[in-house]
Amino acid sequence: MKSLLARIPWINSKNRGSHLAGLYIANDKVVAVILHYVDNAWEIKESVVEAFQHESEKLPAFSSVVSKLPVESMLCVLLPENAYQWVQIEKPNLPEQDIISSLPWTVKDMVSLEPSDIIADYYDASLKQGALNKINVVVTSRTLFQPLLNIIHDSNVLLDSVTTPEMILCDMVIKDDGSHMLVSQQFGNEPSLHIIRNGELLLSRKLRGLIALAQQPLAQLKLGLLDVFGLELQRSLDYFESQLKQPPIKSLQLAIPNLELHGMAQELSQFFPARVMPFESSLTLCQQQSVEMQFAIAAALSLDARGEYENAH
């Protein structure tokens, strides 16, 4: 399921607009991209960026960006990395709607939120672990998210879905029969590791203690941290191949904001048989765009991927 939190009642999923908009909340800016349909293809009409320096400025920046979106444009919002938590649990033997309503109580001991403050949704794990059916649950805080929701509801845009960078990356990695490992990172955050195959997220985990990958020059990384990084990658590969019984990955792609990313890829390529390279989105509209813009573009395009606009053009 690509659009997490899409089954919550406040989503306007039955409405349609003439524009698609993707909004991404980064650590220091809010970025929105507006797409319109021209000559049988979606094109970028405009982008809106509002920078902020302090956490207290984030909500006004969000409000400013939303106010500049076209009337009745369909909107997909990407939650910032520090605004949600992931947990994996055994799938309850309940109807889907009952699973959703029970999630706050099912995961309450696994997250740092009170049940009354939890908004949660889930998707089925793509790979089984033995005979167990697992689901991946994303959890966000109602207290943190409600102010954003209020701004959208007071605007003229139509909120279609709320999702996370992990889900959007599934649309950005090349779709083929091979599995691709992607390591993504924002400044100030720990990197995340994802294994994606043909648009499906097979494995995702945080890599603890590696924030400095985005900050240190290559010469310093080679003194130790790059080896630690390589070991973490190998552990994930071993688990993927041995425990989950999956074939080797086809590529290892790095989306790390380090100026010496090509050098990092070259160093790591000595230890992994798969091709190691800087990440490049497979989406044409994302080419030559900043990482934040790419996320916003992919979020907007995800609204069309479900086929809801096939009669709207």
Protein backbone atom coordinates (compact mmCIF):
# COMPACT_ATOMS: atom_id res chain seq x y z
CA MET A 1 0.00 0.00 0.00
CA LYS A 2 1.66 3.23 -1.17
CA SER A 3 -0.69 5.78 0.44
CA LEU A 4 -0.42 5.20 4.14
CA LEU A 5 -3.06 6.86 6.29
CA ALA A 6 -5.30 6.98 3.20
CA ARG A 7 -8.13 5.11 4.91
CA ILE A 8 -8.67 7.71 7.63
CA PRO A 9 -12.11 9.42 7.27
CA TRP A 10 -10.78 12.94 6.60
CA ILE A 11 -9.25 11.99 3.23
CA ASN A 12 -11.09 13.47 0.20
CA SER A 13 -10.35 10.46 -1.98
CA LYS A 14 -13.60 10.64 -3.97
CA ASN A 15 -12.99 14.18 -5.20
CA ARG A 16 -10.95 15.17 -8.21
CA GLY A 17 -9.09 18.32 -9.16
CA SER A 18 -7.38 19.54 -12.30
CA HIS A 19 -3.96 19.75 -10.64
CA LEU A 20 -1.87 17.29 -8.65
CA ALA A 21 0.25 18.60 -5.79
CA GLY A 22 2.90 16.90 -3.70
CA LEU A 23 4.08 18.50 -0.48
CA TYR A 24 7.23 17.46 1.35
CA ILE A 25 8.29 18.71 4.77
CA ALA A 26 12.09 18.66 5.02
CA ASN A 27 14.26 19.61 7.99
CA ASP A 28 14.60 23.24 6.93
CA LYS A 29 11.94 23.88 4.30
CA VAL A 30 8.49 22.98 3.03
CA VAL A 31 8.43 22.12 -0.67
CA ALA A 32 5.40 21.71 -2.92
CA VAL A 33 5.25 20.86 -6.61
CA ILE A 34 2.15 21.43 -8.72
CA LEU A 35 1.57 19.29 -11.82
CA HIS A 36 -0.87 19.88 -14.67
CA TYR A 37 -1.79 17.64 -17.59
CA VAL A 38 -0.46 18.74 -20.99
CA ASP A 39 -0.30 16.69 -24.21
CA ASN A 40 -1.11 13.39 -22.49
CA ALA A 41 1.50 13.80 -19.77
CA TRP A 42 1.90 15.46 -16.40
CA GLU A 43 4.22 18.46 -16.39
CA ILE A 44 5.53 20.70 -13.63
CA LYS A 45 3.46 23.86 -13.56
CA GLU A 46 5.24 25.49 -10.65
CA SER A 47 6.92 24.84 -7.33
CA VAL A 48 6.58 26.56 -3.97
CA VAL A 49 9.35 26.59 -1.36
CA GLU A 50 9.24 28.14 2.12
CA ALA A 51 12.38 27.87 4.22
CA PHE A 52 12.40 27.89 8.03
CA GLN A 53 15.16 27.91 10.62
CA HIS A 54 13.38 26.94 13.82
CA GLU A 55 10.75 24.34 14.64
CA SER A 56 8.31 27.11 15.61
CA GLU A 57 8.49 28.40 12.01
CA LYS A 58 7.54 25.08 10.41
CA LEU A 59 3.77 25.44 10.76
CA PRO A 60 3.66 29.00 9.31
CA ALA A 61 5.85 27.79 6.41
CA PHE A 62 3.45 24.89 5.82
CA SER A 63 0.48 27.26 5.89
CA SER A 64 2.15 29.62 3.43
CA VAL A 65 2.85 26.81 0.96
CA VAL A 66 -0.68 25.37 1.16
CA SER A 67 -2.18 28.81 0.58
CA LYS A 68 -0.33 29.05 -2.75
CA LEU A 69 -1.65 25.76 -4.17
CA PRO A 70 -4.32 25.93 -6.91
CA VAL A 71 -7.96 25.73 -5.87
CA GLU A 72 -9.20 22.11 -5.65
CA SER A 73 -5.83 20.63 -6.48
CA MET A 74 -5.41 17.07 -5.23
CA LEU A 75 -2.75 16.90 -2.52
CA CYS A 76 -0.43 14.21 -1.21
CA VAL A 77 1.50 15.11 1.95
CA LEU A 78 4.74 13.39 2.95
CA LEU A 79 5.24 13.20 6.69
CA PRO A 80 8.69 14.39 7.84
CA GLU A 81 10.96 11.62 9.10
CA ASN A 82 10.79 12.78 12.72
CA ALA A 83 6.97 12.80 12.72
CA TYR A 84 6.22 9.08 12.52
CA GLN A 85 7.35 5.68 13.76
CA TRP A 86 7.41 2.27 12.10
CA VAL A 87 6.65 -1.02 13.83
CA GLN A 88 6.03 -4.54 12.52
CA ILE A 89 3.50 -6.82 14.19
CA GLU A 90 1.71 -10.08 13.50
CA LYS A 91 -1.45 -9.41 11.53
CA PRO A 92 -4.57 -9.65 13.74
CA ASN A 93 -7.25 -12.04 12.55
CA LEU A 94 -9.81 -9.26 12.11
CA PRO A 95 -11.62 -7.47 9.25
CA GLU A 96 -9.56 -4.65 7.75
CA GLN A 97 -11.48 -1.78 9.35
CA ASP A 98 -11.28 -3.48 12.74
CA ILE A 99 -7.52 -3.89 12.35
CA ILE A 100 -7.18 -0.14 11.71
CA SER A 101 -9.35 0.84 14.68
CA SER A 102 -7.45 -1.52 16.98
CA LEU A 103 -3.95 -0.38 15.97
CA PRO A 104 -3.54 2.36 18.63
CA TRP A 105 -4.04 -0.26 21.35
CA THR A 106 -2.11 -3.00 19.58
CA VAL A 107 1.07 -0.93 19.16
CA LYS A 108 0.83 1.28 22.27
CA ASP A 109 3.67 -0.53 24.05
CA MET A 110 5.92 -0.34 20.98
CA VAL A 111 5.82 3.43 20.36
CA SER A 112 6.32 6.57 22.42
CA LEU A 113 2.74 7.83 22.12
CA GLU A 114 -0.41 7.42 24.16
CA PRO A 115 -3.17 5.42 22.39
CA SER A 116 -5.46 8.46 22.32
CA ASP A 117 -2.76 10.40 20.44
CA ILE A 118 -2.09 7.73 17.80
CA ILE A 119 -3.10 7.91 14.15
CA ALA A 120 -2.04 4.67 12.43
CA ASP A 121 -2.36 2.74 9.23
CA TYR A 122 -0.70 -0.40 7.91
CA TYR A 123 0.25 -2.41 4.87
CA ASP A 124 0.87 -6.13 4.58
CA ALA A 125 4.51 -7.19 4.66
CA SER A 126 5.58 -8.30 1.17
CA LEU A 127 7.76 -11.14 2.46
CA LYS A 128 6.60 -13.76 4.95
CA GLN A 129 8.80 -14.77 7.85
CA GLY A 130 8.00 -18.44 8.28
CA ALA A 131 4.28 -19.07 8.63
CA LEU A 132 3.55 -15.69 10.21
CA ASN A 133 1.62 -12.96 8.42
CA LYS A 134 3.18 -9.62 9.34
CA ILE A 135 1.98 -6.08 8.82
CA ASN A 136 4.03 -2.89 8.82
CA VAL A 137 2.39 -0.12 10.83
CA VAL A 138 3.15 3.58 10.53
CA VAL A 139 2.23 5.67 13.55
CA THR A 140 2.02 9.43 13.86
CA SER A 141 0.89 11.81 16.58
CA ARG A 142 -2.57 13.32 16.38
CA THR A 143 -1.28 16.29 18.40
CA LEU A 144 1.45 17.00 15.86
CA PHE A 145 -0.55 16.23 12.75
CA GLN A 146 -3.87 17.92 13.59
CA PRO A 147 -2.53 21.49 13.13
CA LEU A 148 -1.33 20.55 9.63
CA LEU A 149 -4.68 18.97 8.89
CA ASN A 150 -6.54 22.07 10.12
CA ILE A 151 -4.56 24.24 7.70
CA ILE A 152 -5.45 21.97 4.79
CA HIS A 153 -9.12 21.83 5.76
CA ASP A 154 -9.25 25.64 5.93
CA SER A 155 -7.77 25.87 2.43
CA ASN A 156 -9.20 25.19 -1.01
CA VAL A 157 -7.11 22.07 -1.71
CA LEU A 158 -8.30 18.46 -1.46
CA LEU A 159 -6.21 16.17 0.73
CA ASP A 160 -6.07 12.80 -1.01
CA SER A 161 -3.35 10.91 0.87
CA VAL A 162 -0.70 11.09 3.55
CA THR A 163 2.36 8.94 3.15
CA THR A 164 6.05 8.63 4.05
CA PRO A 165 9.34 8.90 2.15
CA GLU A 166 9.77 5.12 2.31
CA MET A 167 6.57 4.61 0.35
CA ILE A 168 7.37 7.31 -2.21
CA LEU A 169 10.86 5.88 -2.80
CA CYS A 170 9.13 2.73 -4.08
CA ASP A 171 7.95 4.81 -7.04
CA MET A 172 11.37 6.37 -7.58
CA VAL A 173 13.50 3.22 -7.77
CA ILE A 174 13.59 1.53 -11.16
CA LYS A 175 10.88 -1.11 -11.48
CA ASP A 176 12.20 -4.47 -12.63
CA ASP A 177 12.42 -8.02 -11.35
CA GLY A 178 15.59 -7.30 -9.36
CA SER A 179 15.85 -6.14 -5.77
CA HIS A 180 17.57 -2.80 -5.16
CA MET A 181 19.00 -1.64 -1.85
CA LEU A 182 18.70 2.11 -1.27
CA VAL A 183 20.23 4.08 1.59
CA SER A 184 18.63 7.50 2.03
CA GLN A 185 19.49 10.25 4.51
CA GLN A 186 18.67 13.83 5.41
CA PHE A 187 21.06 16.19 7.22
CA GLY A 188 20.67 15.71 10.96
CA ASN A 189 18.90 12.35 10.64
CA GLU A 190 20.13 8.80 10.76
CA PRO A 191 20.20 7.07 7.38
CA SER A 192 17.51 4.57 6.42
CA LEU A 193 18.02 1.37 4.47
CA HIS A 194 15.36 0.09 2.09
CA ILE A 195 15.20 -2.91 -0.22
CA ILE A 196 12.71 -2.37 -3.04
CA ARG A 197 11.63 -4.70 -5.83
CA ASN A 198 9.26 -3.76 -8.63
CA GLY A 199 7.68 -0.97 -6.60
CA GLU A 200 7.33 -2.96 -3.38
CA LEU A 201 9.11 -2.22 -0.11
CA LEU A 202 10.55 -5.54 1.05
CA LEU A 203 12.71 -4.39 3.95
CA SER A 204 13.27 -1.09 5.77
CA ARG A 205 15.35 -0.21 8.82
CA LYS A 206 17.18 2.69 10.43
CA LEU A 207 20.98 2.61 10.56
CA ARG A 208 21.84 3.84 14.04
CA GLY A 209 24.97 5.80 14.81
CA LEU A 210 25.68 6.84 11.22
CA ILE A 211 24.46 10.45 11.12
CA ALA A 212 28.00 11.60 10.25
CA LEU A 213 27.83 9.89 6.83
CA ALA A 214 26.32 13.10 5.48
CA GLN A 215 28.83 15.38 7.20
CA GLN A 216 32.33 13.93 7.14
CA PRO A 217 34.69 14.15 4.14
CA LEU A 218 35.60 10.86 2.49
CA ALA A 219 39.12 10.82 3.95
CA GLN A 220 37.65 10.96 7.46
CA LEU A 221 34.95 8.41 6.68
CA LYS A 222 37.64 5.97 5.54
CA LEU A 223 39.19 6.08 9.02
CA GLY A 224 36.39 3.92 10.39
CA LEU A 225 32.82 5.03 9.81
CA LEU A 226 32.70 3.77 6.23
CA ASP A 227 33.69 0.30 7.48
CA VAL A 228 30.90 0.40 10.08
CA PHE A 229 28.50 1.45 7.33
CA GLY A 230 29.62 -1.42 5.13
CA LEU A 231 29.13 -3.92 7.95
CA GLU A 232 25.57 -2.68 8.55
CA LEU A 233 24.81 -3.05 4.86
CA GLN A 234 26.23 -6.58 4.85
CA ARG A 235 24.18 -7.57 7.91
CA SER A 236 21.02 -6.45 6.15
CA LEU A 237 22.00 -8.31 2.99
CA ASP A 238 22.71 -11.48 4.98
CA TYR A 239 19.31 -11.25 6.66
CA PHE A 240 17.58 -10.58 3.34
CA GLU A 241 19.22 -13.53 1.60
CA SER A 242 19.51 -16.06 4.45
CA GLN A 243 16.48 -15.43 6.65
CA LEU A 244 14.03 -14.14 4.05
CA LYS A 245 15.33 -16.54 1.38
CA GLN A 246 15.69 -13.88 -1.31
CA PRO A 247 18.13 -13.71 -4.24
CA PRO A 248 21.02 -11.21 -4.11
CA ILE A 249 20.29 -7.55 -4.79
CA LYS A 250 20.85 -6.07 -8.22
CA SER A 251 22.18 -2.69 -7.07
CA LEU A 252 23.17 -0.68 -4.00
CA GLN A 253 22.12 2.94 -4.39
CA LEU A 254 23.13 5.83 -2.13
CA ALA A 255 20.98 8.93 -1.54
CA ILE A 256 23.25 10.54 1.04
CA PRO A 257 23.82 14.34 0.99
CA ASN A 258 27.62 14.06 1.01
CA LEU A 259 29.60 16.05 -1.57
CA GLU A 260 31.89 13.05 -2.04
CA LEU A 261 29.09 10.57 -2.69
CA HIS A 262 30.71 9.21 -5.85
CA GLY A 263 33.86 8.47 -3.86
CA MET A 264 31.82 6.70 -1.18
CA ALA A 265 30.17 4.56 -3.84
CA GLN A 266 33.55 3.69 -5.34
CA GLU A 267 34.96 2.66 -1.96
CA LEU A 268 31.95 0.47 -1.15
CA SER A 269 32.01 -1.15 -4.59
CA GLN A 270 35.17 -3.00 -3.56
CA PHE A 271 33.19 -5.04 -1.03
CA PHE A 272 29.84 -5.70 -2.74
CA PRO A 273 29.29 -7.70 -5.92
CA ALA A 274 26.21 -5.65 -6.82
CA ARG A 275 26.61 -2.37 -8.66
CA VAL A 276 27.15 0.50 -6.18
CA MET A 277 26.12 3.97 -7.35
CA PRO A 278 24.60 7.31 -6.33
CA PHE A 279 20.83 7.19 -6.43
CA GLU A 280 19.02 8.59 -9.46
CA SER A 281 15.23 8.62 -9.61
CA SER A 282 13.67 6.61 -12.42
CA LEU A 283 10.94 9.25 -12.79
CA THR A 284 11.63 11.54 -15.73
CA LEU A 285 10.20 14.64 -14.02
CA CYS A 286 12.65 14.16 -11.13
CA GLN A 287 15.76 14.39 -13.27
CA GLN A 288 18.03 17.37 -12.54
CA GLN A 289 15.96 18.26 -9.45
CA SER A 290 16.98 18.60 -5.80
CA VAL A 291 16.16 15.74 -3.43
CA GLU A 292 13.35 17.72 -1.80
CA MET A 293 11.84 18.54 -5.19
CA GLN A 294 12.08 14.89 -6.23
CA PHE A 295 10.09 13.78 -3.20
CA ALA A 296 7.39 16.38 -3.87
CA ILE A 297 7.20 15.46 -7.57
CA ALA A 298 6.96 11.74 -6.81
CA ALA A 299 4.27 12.41 -4.19
CA ALA A 300 2.20 14.32 -6.74
CA LEU A 301 2.64 11.60 -9.36
CA SER A 302 1.56 8.95 -6.86
CA LEU A 303 -1.94 10.45 -6.98
CA ASP A 304 -2.19 9.48 -10.63
CA ALA A 305 -0.63 6.03 -10.22
CA ARG A 306 -3.84 4.60 -8.72
CA GLY A 307 -5.80 5.46 -11.87
CA GLU A 308 -8.21 7.88 -10.22
CA TYR A 309 -7.63 10.44 -12.96
CA GLU A 310 -8.10 8.23 -15.98
CA ASN A 311 -11.40 9.98 -16.81
CA ALA A 312 -10.34 13.43 -15.72
CA HIS A 313 -8.02 14.34 -18.59
